């Protein structure tokens, strides 16, 4: 069997066409009437949510429980300013990264030993 040599530019050209087609599809979707309606519905819904949350906040702030919440938020803000929250977050992130790296090292070790 003889293999016909494909022109070198075909692969590159097909990827370029694929990229252009994806761009055109996304452009069409973005400009569609359905997307605009969805965006308006989401914006209207978020505005209504904002109004409801503001009403809830007003109700909470005037109640005794709300005053306790405000005090708790103020205390949390102080912890943020003091660096306590940052330190705990840093410890948590470092711990997670350490575990991820340990698992990746195990996987690398397994793959390299399998190749040998």
N, C-alpha and C. Protein backbone atom coordinates (compact mmCIF):
# COMPACT_ATOMS: atom_id res chain seq x y z
N UNK A 1 0.82 -1.18 0.00
CA UNK A 1 0.00 0.00 0.00
C UNK A 1 0.87 1.24 0.00
N UNK A 2 0.54 2.13 -0.86
CA UNK A 2 1.29 3.39 -0.84
C UNK A 2 0.46 4.42 -0.11
N UNK A 3 1.15 5.22 0.66
CA UNK A 3 0.47 6.27 1.41
C UNK A 3 0.62 7.57 0.65
N UNK A 4 -0.49 8.23 0.45
CA UNK A 4 -0.43 9.52 -0.21
C UNK A 4 -0.03 10.56 0.82
N UNK A 5 0.90 11.40 0.46
CA UNK A 5 1.35 12.43 1.36
C UNK A 5 0.36 13.59 1.31
N UNK A 6 -0.15 13.95 2.51
CA UNK A 6 -1.08 15.07 2.59
C UNK A 6 -0.27 16.37 2.60
N UNK A 7 -0.79 17.36 1.93
CA UNK A 7 -0.08 18.65 1.97
C UNK A 7 0.05 19.14 3.40
N UNK A 8 1.21 19.72 3.71
CA UNK A 8 1.50 20.15 5.08
C UNK A 8 0.53 21.19 5.59
N UNK A 9 0.05 22.05 4.73
CA UNK A 9 -0.80 23.14 5.17
C UNK A 9 -2.21 22.72 5.56
N UNK A 10 -2.65 21.54 5.17
CA UNK A 10 -4.03 21.14 5.43
C UNK A 10 -4.37 21.09 6.91
N UNK A 11 -3.53 20.51 7.71
CA UNK A 11 -3.79 20.39 9.14
C UNK A 11 -3.87 21.78 9.77
N UNK A 12 -2.92 22.59 9.47
CA UNK A 12 -2.90 23.95 10.01
C UNK A 12 -4.15 24.71 9.56
N UNK A 13 -4.50 24.56 8.29
CA UNK A 13 -5.66 25.26 7.75
C UNK A 13 -6.96 24.78 8.41
N UNK A 14 -7.06 23.48 8.65
CA UNK A 14 -8.25 22.95 9.31
C UNK A 14 -8.38 23.47 10.74
N UNK A 15 -7.27 23.55 11.47
CA UNK A 15 -7.32 24.12 12.81
C UNK A 15 -7.72 25.59 12.77
N UNK A 16 -7.20 26.31 11.79
CA UNK A 16 -7.56 27.71 11.63
C UNK A 16 -9.05 27.83 11.35
N UNK A 17 -9.56 26.97 10.45
CA UNK A 17 -10.99 26.97 10.14
C UNK A 17 -11.82 26.62 11.38
N UNK A 18 -11.36 25.63 12.13
CA UNK A 18 -12.05 25.24 13.35
C UNK A 18 -12.14 26.43 14.31
N UNK A 19 -11.03 27.11 14.51
CA UNK A 19 -11.02 28.27 15.39
C UNK A 19 -11.97 29.35 14.91
N UNK A 20 -11.98 29.60 13.63
CA UNK A 20 -12.87 30.63 13.07
C UNK A 20 -14.33 30.21 13.23
N UNK A 21 -14.62 28.93 12.99
CA UNK A 21 -15.99 28.45 13.15
C UNK A 21 -16.46 28.55 14.60
N UNK A 22 -15.60 28.19 15.53
CA UNK A 22 -15.96 28.30 16.95
C UNK A 22 -16.22 29.76 17.29
N UNK A 23 -15.35 30.64 16.81
CA UNK A 23 -15.53 32.07 17.05
C UNK A 23 -16.87 32.54 16.49
N UNK A 24 -17.20 32.12 15.27
CA UNK A 24 -18.45 32.54 14.65
C UNK A 24 -19.67 32.01 15.41
N UNK A 25 -19.61 30.77 15.87
CA UNK A 25 -20.71 30.20 16.64
C UNK A 25 -20.90 30.98 17.94
N UNK A 26 -19.80 31.21 18.65
CA UNK A 26 -19.90 31.94 19.92
C UNK A 26 -20.39 33.36 19.70
N UNK A 27 -19.94 33.98 18.63
CA UNK A 27 -20.42 35.32 18.29
C UNK A 27 -21.92 35.30 18.03
N UNK A 28 -22.37 34.32 17.27
CA UNK A 28 -23.79 34.20 16.97
C UNK A 28 -24.62 33.98 18.22
N UNK A 29 -24.13 33.12 19.10
CA UNK A 29 -24.83 32.86 20.35
C UNK A 29 -24.88 34.14 21.19
N UNK A 30 -23.76 34.84 21.26
CA UNK A 30 -23.69 36.06 22.08
C UNK A 30 -24.64 37.13 21.56
N UNK A 31 -24.77 37.24 20.27
CA UNK A 31 -25.60 38.28 19.68
C UNK A 31 -27.07 37.86 19.56
N UNK A 32 -27.41 36.64 19.93
CA UNK A 32 -28.77 36.13 19.73
C UNK A 32 -29.78 36.83 20.64
N UNK A 33 -31.01 36.84 20.18
CA UNK A 33 -32.11 37.42 20.94
C UNK A 33 -32.34 36.64 22.24
N UNK A 34 -32.15 35.31 22.18
CA UNK A 34 -32.34 34.48 23.37
C UNK A 34 -31.36 34.86 24.47
N UNK A 35 -30.11 35.11 24.09
CA UNK A 35 -29.11 35.50 25.08
C UNK A 35 -29.45 36.85 25.69
N UNK A 36 -29.93 37.77 24.87
CA UNK A 36 -30.29 39.09 25.38
C UNK A 36 -31.46 38.98 26.36
N UNK A 37 -32.44 38.14 26.01
CA UNK A 37 -33.59 37.96 26.90
C UNK A 37 -33.14 37.31 28.21
N UNK A 38 -32.29 36.30 28.10
CA UNK A 38 -31.78 35.64 29.30
C UNK A 38 -31.02 36.64 30.17
N UNK A 39 -30.19 37.47 29.55
CA UNK A 39 -29.43 38.46 30.30
C UNK A 39 -30.37 39.42 31.02
N UNK A 40 -31.42 39.88 30.33
CA UNK A 40 -32.38 40.80 30.95
C UNK A 40 -33.09 40.11 32.11
N UNK A 41 -33.50 38.85 31.91
CA UNK A 41 -34.16 38.11 32.98
C UNK A 41 -33.25 37.96 34.20
N UNK A 42 -31.99 37.65 33.95
CA UNK A 42 -31.03 37.51 35.05
C UNK A 42 -30.83 38.84 35.75
N UNK A 43 -30.67 39.92 34.99
CA UNK A 43 -30.48 41.24 35.60
C UNK A 43 -31.70 41.64 36.42
N UNK A 44 -32.89 41.42 35.86
CA UNK A 44 -34.11 41.75 36.60
C UNK A 44 -34.21 40.91 37.88
N UNK A 45 -33.90 39.63 37.75
CA UNK A 45 -33.93 38.75 38.92
C UNK A 45 -32.93 39.17 39.99
N UNK A 46 -31.73 39.56 39.56
CA UNK A 46 -30.73 40.02 40.53
C UNK A 46 -31.16 41.32 41.20
N UNK A 47 -31.80 42.20 40.44
CA UNK A 47 -32.31 43.44 41.04
C UNK A 47 -33.36 43.13 42.11
N UNK A 48 -34.27 42.21 41.80
CA UNK A 48 -35.29 41.82 42.77
C UNK A 48 -34.65 41.17 44.00
N UNK A 49 -33.66 40.33 43.76
CA UNK A 49 -32.95 39.70 44.87
C UNK A 49 -32.28 40.76 45.74
N UNK A 50 -31.66 41.75 45.09
CA UNK A 50 -31.02 42.83 45.84
C UNK A 50 -32.00 43.58 46.71
N UNK A 51 -33.19 43.86 46.16
CA UNK A 51 -34.22 44.55 46.95
C UNK A 51 -34.63 43.72 48.16
N UNK A 52 -34.84 42.43 47.92
CA UNK A 52 -35.26 41.55 49.01
C UNK A 52 -34.18 41.45 50.08
N UNK A 53 -32.93 41.36 49.65
CA UNK A 53 -31.82 41.28 50.62
C UNK A 53 -31.73 42.58 51.41
N UNK A 54 -31.89 43.72 50.75
CA UNK A 54 -31.84 45.00 51.46
C UNK A 54 -32.95 45.10 52.50
N UNK A 55 -34.15 44.63 52.14
CA UNK A 55 -35.26 44.63 53.10
C UNK A 55 -34.93 43.73 54.28
N UNK A 56 -34.37 42.55 53.99
CA UNK A 56 -34.01 41.62 55.04
C UNK A 56 -32.95 42.23 55.96
N UNK A 57 -31.97 42.87 55.36
CA UNK A 57 -30.90 43.51 56.16
C UNK A 57 -31.49 44.58 57.06
N UNK A 58 -32.39 45.39 56.52
CA UNK A 58 -33.03 46.42 57.33
C UNK A 58 -33.77 45.80 58.51
N UNK A 59 -34.52 44.71 58.24
CA UNK A 59 -35.25 44.03 59.31
C UNK A 59 -34.31 43.45 60.35
N UNK A 60 -33.23 42.85 59.89
CA UNK A 60 -32.27 42.21 60.81
C UNK A 60 -31.57 43.27 61.67
N UNK A 61 -31.16 44.34 61.04
CA UNK A 61 -30.43 45.37 61.78
C UNK A 61 -31.26 46.00 62.89
N UNK A 62 -32.55 46.02 62.70
CA UNK A 62 -33.40 46.63 63.72
C UNK A 62 -33.77 45.64 64.83
N UNK A 63 -33.48 44.36 64.65
CA UNK A 63 -33.82 43.36 65.67
C UNK A 63 -32.64 43.13 66.60
N UNK A 64 -32.93 42.51 67.72
CA UNK A 64 -31.88 42.19 68.70
C UNK A 64 -30.89 41.17 68.13
N UNK A 65 -31.43 40.17 67.43
CA UNK A 65 -30.56 39.16 66.81
C UNK A 65 -29.66 39.82 65.78
N UNK A 66 -30.21 40.77 65.04
CA UNK A 66 -29.42 41.48 64.04
C UNK A 66 -28.27 42.24 64.64
N UNK A 67 -28.52 42.83 65.79
CA UNK A 67 -27.44 43.58 66.47
C UNK A 67 -26.31 42.64 66.87
N UNK A 68 -26.68 41.40 67.25
CA UNK A 68 -25.66 40.41 67.59
C UNK A 68 -24.86 40.01 66.35
N UNK A 69 -25.57 39.88 65.22
CA UNK A 69 -24.90 39.54 63.96
C UNK A 69 -23.92 40.64 63.58
N UNK A 70 -24.36 41.89 63.69
CA UNK A 70 -23.49 43.02 63.37
C UNK A 70 -22.26 42.99 64.26
N UNK A 71 -22.46 42.69 65.53
CA UNK A 71 -21.32 42.61 66.46
C UNK A 71 -20.37 41.49 66.02
N UNK A 72 -20.93 40.34 65.62
CA UNK A 72 -20.11 39.22 65.15
C UNK A 72 -19.33 39.59 63.90
N UNK A 73 -19.98 40.31 62.98
CA UNK A 73 -19.30 40.75 61.76
C UNK A 73 -18.16 41.71 62.11
N UNK A 74 -18.43 42.60 63.06
CA UNK A 74 -17.38 43.53 63.48
C UNK A 74 -16.19 42.78 64.09
N UNK A 75 -16.48 41.76 64.88
CA UNK A 75 -15.41 40.96 65.48
C UNK A 75 -14.63 40.21 64.41
N UNK A 76 -15.34 39.69 63.42
CA UNK A 76 -14.66 39.00 62.32
C UNK A 76 -13.77 39.97 61.55
N UNK A 77 -14.28 41.19 61.35
CA UNK A 77 -13.48 42.22 60.68
C UNK A 77 -12.21 42.52 61.45
N UNK A 78 -12.30 42.53 62.76
CA UNK A 78 -11.11 42.77 63.58
C UNK A 78 -10.12 41.63 63.43
N UNK A 79 -10.63 40.39 63.36
CA UNK A 79 -9.74 39.25 63.15
C UNK A 79 -9.06 39.34 61.79
N UNK A 80 -9.80 39.83 60.80
CA UNK A 80 -9.20 40.02 59.47
C UNK A 80 -8.07 41.04 59.54
N UNK A 81 -8.35 42.14 60.20
CA UNK A 81 -7.33 43.21 60.30
C UNK A 81 -6.12 42.75 61.09
N UNK A 82 -6.32 41.91 62.09
CA UNK A 82 -5.21 41.46 62.91
C UNK A 82 -4.35 40.41 62.22
N UNK A 83 -4.87 39.83 61.14
CA UNK A 83 -4.11 38.81 60.41
C UNK A 83 -4.41 37.40 60.84
N UNK A 84 -5.28 37.22 61.83
CA UNK A 84 -5.61 35.88 62.32
C UNK A 84 -6.26 35.03 61.24
N UNK A 85 -7.20 35.60 60.51
CA UNK A 85 -7.89 34.86 59.45
C UNK A 85 -6.92 34.52 58.33
N UNK A 86 -6.07 35.48 57.97
CA UNK A 86 -5.09 35.25 56.91
C UNK A 86 -4.16 34.11 57.28
N UNK A 87 -3.73 34.08 58.52
CA UNK A 87 -2.81 33.02 58.97
C UNK A 87 -3.48 31.65 58.88
N UNK A 88 -4.73 31.57 59.31
CA UNK A 88 -5.43 30.27 59.26
C UNK A 88 -5.68 29.86 57.81
N UNK A 89 -6.02 30.82 56.96
CA UNK A 89 -6.23 30.52 55.55
C UNK A 89 -4.93 30.03 54.93
N UNK A 90 -3.83 30.69 55.24
CA UNK A 90 -2.52 30.30 54.71
C UNK A 90 -2.18 28.88 55.13
N UNK A 91 -2.43 28.56 56.40
CA UNK A 91 -2.15 27.21 56.89
C UNK A 91 -2.98 26.17 56.15
N UNK A 92 -4.26 26.48 55.93
CA UNK A 92 -5.14 25.55 55.22
C UNK A 92 -4.70 25.35 53.79
N UNK A 93 -4.34 26.43 53.12
CA UNK A 93 -3.89 26.34 51.72
C UNK A 93 -2.59 25.56 51.64
N UNK A 94 -1.65 25.85 52.53
CA UNK A 94 -0.37 25.13 52.53
C UNK A 94 -0.59 23.64 52.76
N UNK A 95 -1.48 23.31 53.68
CA UNK A 95 -1.76 21.90 53.96
C UNK A 95 -2.35 21.21 52.72
N UNK A 96 -3.30 21.87 52.08
CA UNK A 96 -3.92 21.29 50.88
C UNK A 96 -2.89 21.13 49.77
N UNK A 97 -2.07 22.14 49.55
CA UNK A 97 -1.04 22.05 48.51
C UNK A 97 -0.04 20.93 48.81
N UNK A 98 0.31 20.78 50.07
CA UNK A 98 1.23 19.71 50.47
C UNK A 98 0.63 18.35 50.12
N UNK A 99 -0.65 18.16 50.43
CA UNK A 99 -1.31 16.89 50.14
C UNK A 99 -1.40 16.65 48.63
N UNK A 100 -1.74 17.68 47.88
CA UNK A 100 -1.83 17.55 46.42
C UNK A 100 -0.47 17.18 45.85
N UNK A 101 0.58 17.87 46.28
CA UNK A 101 1.92 17.58 45.78
C UNK A 101 2.36 16.17 46.15
N UNK A 102 2.02 15.72 47.34
CA UNK A 102 2.39 14.37 47.75
C UNK A 102 1.70 13.34 46.85
N UNK A 103 0.43 13.56 46.55
CA UNK A 103 -0.30 12.63 45.67
C UNK A 103 0.26 12.67 44.25
N UNK A 104 0.60 13.86 43.77
CA UNK A 104 1.19 13.97 42.44
C UNK A 104 2.54 13.26 42.37
N UNK A 105 3.33 13.40 43.43
CA UNK A 105 4.63 12.72 43.47
C UNK A 105 4.44 11.19 43.46
N UNK A 106 3.40 10.71 44.15
CA UNK A 106 3.12 9.27 44.13
C UNK A 106 2.76 8.83 42.71
N UNK A 107 1.93 9.63 42.04
CA UNK A 107 1.51 9.29 40.68
C UNK A 107 2.70 9.31 39.73
N UNK A 108 3.54 10.31 39.86
CA UNK A 108 4.73 10.40 39.02
C UNK A 108 5.63 9.20 39.25
N UNK A 109 5.81 8.85 40.50
CA UNK A 109 6.64 7.69 40.84
C UNK A 109 6.06 6.42 40.23
N UNK A 110 4.75 6.28 40.29
CA UNK A 110 4.10 5.09 39.73
C UNK A 110 4.29 5.04 38.22
N UNK A 111 4.07 6.16 37.54
CA UNK A 111 4.21 6.18 36.09
C UNK A 111 5.65 5.95 35.65
N UNK A 112 6.60 6.52 36.37
CA UNK A 112 7.99 6.32 35.98
C UNK A 112 8.45 4.90 36.27
N UNK A 113 7.95 4.29 37.34
CA UNK A 113 8.34 2.90 37.62
C UNK A 113 7.68 1.95 36.63
N UNK A 114 6.46 2.29 36.16
CA UNK A 114 5.79 1.46 35.15
C UNK A 114 6.51 1.52 33.82
N UNK A 115 7.10 2.65 33.50
CA UNK A 115 7.81 2.80 32.22
C UNK A 115 9.10 2.01 32.22
N UNK A 116 9.71 1.87 33.39
CA UNK A 116 10.98 1.15 33.47
C UNK A 116 10.70 -0.31 33.39
